[in-house]
């Protein structure tokens, strides 16, 4: 894994599953580290693993509002193609259903990260800004 150089943005994601069994960091870890040639149960389906060496996000916020540190902020993430070199990735578990606790924790985490990296609200993006996905399935503009 490469070191994360100057951080100039935060990218918000969703896990793309509202299934209770997927609302766990361990489930996301399994999805991310399983080789691409192997399948994993996700969102009630079978999908190919991602083949990463670790979870690609720096932080995951589960439905109970807990923020889980995952990849060190000192290291590049594996969460947004072409944007990992200068970004912090935060993932909320869920696809279309998020909790008030998640949004409260997200806002608190964003304030901490904005201060730490000297960022503005305009430096916060949804994954959709860099892909054809709708992730995180809500408007991130503050």
Protein backbone atom coordinates (compact mmCIF):
# COMPACT_ATOMS: atom_id res chain seq x y z
CA UNK A 1 0.00 0.00 0.00
CA UNK A 2 1.19 3.48 -0.83
CA UNK A 3 1.34 6.42 1.51
CA UNK A 4 -1.47 8.93 1.22
CA UNK A 5 -0.07 12.22 0.03
CA UNK A 6 -1.72 15.61 0.49
CA UNK A 7 -5.45 15.12 1.20
CA UNK A 8 -7.62 17.44 -0.87
CA UNK A 9 -10.98 15.73 -0.69
CA UNK A 10 -13.25 13.39 1.22
CA UNK A 11 -15.36 10.92 -0.74
CA UNK A 12 -18.51 9.45 0.78
CA UNK A 13 -19.71 5.98 -0.19
CA UNK A 14 -22.40 3.49 0.72
CA UNK A 15 -21.95 -0.26 1.05
CA UNK A 16 -24.80 -0.97 -1.42
CA UNK A 17 -26.61 -3.36 0.92
CA UNK A 18 -29.39 -2.85 3.43
CA UNK A 19 -29.23 -6.51 4.52
CA UNK A 20 -28.62 -6.75 8.31
CA UNK A 21 -25.87 -9.32 7.84
CA UNK A 22 -23.93 -6.81 5.72
CA UNK A 23 -24.04 -4.10 8.41
CA UNK A 24 -20.75 -5.32 9.85
CA UNK A 25 -17.17 -4.30 9.21
CA UNK A 26 -16.28 -8.01 9.04
CA UNK A 27 -18.67 -8.48 6.11
CA UNK A 28 -17.11 -5.58 4.22
CA UNK A 29 -13.64 -6.94 5.02
CA UNK A 30 -14.61 -10.32 3.56
CA UNK A 31 -15.97 -8.67 0.40
CA UNK A 32 -12.85 -6.53 -0.03
CA UNK A 33 -10.14 -9.15 0.64
CA UNK A 34 -11.73 -12.11 -1.14
CA UNK A 35 -9.92 -12.71 -4.45
CA UNK A 36 -11.75 -11.59 -7.58
CA UNK A 37 -11.89 -15.23 -8.69
CA UNK A 38 -13.98 -16.16 -5.62
CA UNK A 39 -17.57 -15.30 -4.78
CA UNK A 40 -18.97 -13.71 -1.62
CA UNK A 41 -22.55 -13.39 -0.36
CA UNK A 42 -23.52 -9.72 -0.53
CA UNK A 43 -26.90 -7.98 -0.53
CA UNK A 44 -28.69 -11.31 -0.87
CA UNK A 45 -26.68 -12.23 -3.97
CA UNK A 46 -23.39 -13.82 -4.88
CA UNK A 47 -20.77 -11.36 -6.12
CA UNK A 48 -17.07 -11.53 -6.95
CA UNK A 49 -14.62 -10.47 -4.27
CA UNK A 50 -12.65 -7.24 -4.75
CA UNK A 51 -9.16 -8.71 -4.28
CA UNK A 52 -7.85 -5.89 -2.06
CA UNK A 53 -5.24 -6.39 0.65
CA UNK A 54 -7.51 -4.69 3.23
CA UNK A 55 -10.73 -2.70 3.44
CA UNK A 56 -10.54 0.07 0.87
CA UNK A 57 -12.24 2.74 2.99
CA UNK A 58 -10.57 4.73 5.74
CA UNK A 59 -13.73 4.74 7.87
CA UNK A 60 -17.00 2.80 7.94
CA UNK A 61 -20.09 4.06 9.74
CA UNK A 62 -22.54 1.30 10.66
CA UNK A 63 -26.27 1.76 11.20
CA UNK A 64 -25.82 2.06 14.98
CA UNK A 65 -23.78 5.24 14.31
CA UNK A 66 -20.43 3.75 15.25
CA UNK A 67 -17.47 4.91 13.17
CA UNK A 68 -14.96 2.14 12.56
CA UNK A 69 -11.41 3.05 11.59
CA UNK A 70 -10.33 0.78 8.76
CA UNK A 71 -7.45 1.73 6.51
CA UNK A 72 -4.99 4.10 8.15
CA UNK A 73 -5.34 7.70 7.01
CA UNK A 74 -1.59 7.54 6.38
CA UNK A 75 -2.23 5.11 3.50
CA UNK A 76 -3.98 5.50 0.17
CA UNK A 77 -7.45 4.06 0.07
CA UNK A 78 -8.94 1.74 -2.52
CA UNK A 79 -12.36 3.32 -2.73
CA UNK A 80 -12.59 5.56 -5.80
CA UNK A 81 -10.77 4.83 -9.03
CA UNK A 82 -8.46 7.69 -9.98
CA UNK A 83 -9.02 9.59 -6.71
CA UNK A 84 -7.34 7.49 -4.03
CA UNK A 85 -4.01 9.33 -4.04
CA UNK A 86 -5.42 12.46 -2.38
CA UNK A 87 -8.66 11.43 -0.68
CA UNK A 88 -10.15 9.99 2.48
CA UNK A 89 -12.94 7.45 1.89
CA UNK A 90 -15.88 7.11 4.27
CA UNK A 91 -18.52 4.40 3.77
CA UNK A 92 -21.95 4.30 5.36
CA UNK A 93 -23.39 0.80 5.53
CA UNK A 94 -26.63 0.68 3.59
CA UNK A 95 -27.96 1.30 0.13
CA UNK A 96 -31.24 3.18 0.41
CA UNK A 97 -31.86 3.12 4.16
CA UNK A 98 -29.56 5.03 6.45
CA UNK A 99 -30.09 5.98 10.08
CA UNK A 100 -30.09 9.31 11.83
CA UNK A 101 -27.24 7.96 13.97
CA UNK A 102 -25.16 7.38 10.81
CA UNK A 103 -25.77 10.91 9.54
CA UNK A 104 -24.92 12.44 12.93
CA UNK A 105 -21.68 10.48 13.09
CA UNK A 106 -20.87 11.34 9.48
CA UNK A 107 -21.31 15.07 10.15
CA UNK A 108 -19.11 14.84 13.26
CA UNK A 109 -16.42 12.88 11.37
CA UNK A 110 -16.50 15.35 8.48
CA UNK A 111 -15.93 18.26 10.86
CA UNK A 112 -12.91 16.52 12.38
CA UNK A 113 -11.45 15.65 8.97
CA UNK A 114 -12.08 19.11 7.51
CA UNK A 115 -10.15 20.67 10.38
CA UNK A 116 -7.37 18.06 10.28
CA UNK A 117 -6.79 18.45 6.53
CA UNK A 118 -7.82 22.11 6.17
CA UNK A 119 -10.75 21.27 3.86
CA UNK A 120 -14.00 23.07 3.04
CA UNK A 121 -17.51 21.73 2.49
CA UNK A 122 -16.85 22.00 -1.25
CA UNK A 123 -14.06 19.40 -0.84
CA UNK A 124 -16.60 16.72 0.14
CA UNK A 125 -17.97 14.55 -2.65
CA UNK A 126 -20.24 11.61 -3.18
CA UNK A 127 -18.67 8.71 -5.04
CA UNK A 128 -21.14 9.52 -7.85
CA UNK A 129 -19.05 12.61 -8.70
CA UNK A 130 -16.29 10.32 -10.00
CA UNK A 131 -18.19 7.36 -11.43
CA UNK A 132 -21.40 6.32 -13.14
CA UNK A 133 -22.70 4.96 -9.81
CA UNK A 134 -25.32 6.65 -7.66
CA UNK A 135 -23.30 5.88 -4.52
CA UNK A 136 -23.92 6.90 -1.77
CA UNK A 137 -27.53 7.23 -2.99
CA UNK A 138 -28.06 10.59 -1.30
CA UNK A 139 -26.91 14.14 -2.03
CA UNK A 140 -23.78 14.92 -0.02
CA UNK A 141 -23.88 18.68 -0.52
CA UNK A 142 -23.87 20.26 2.95
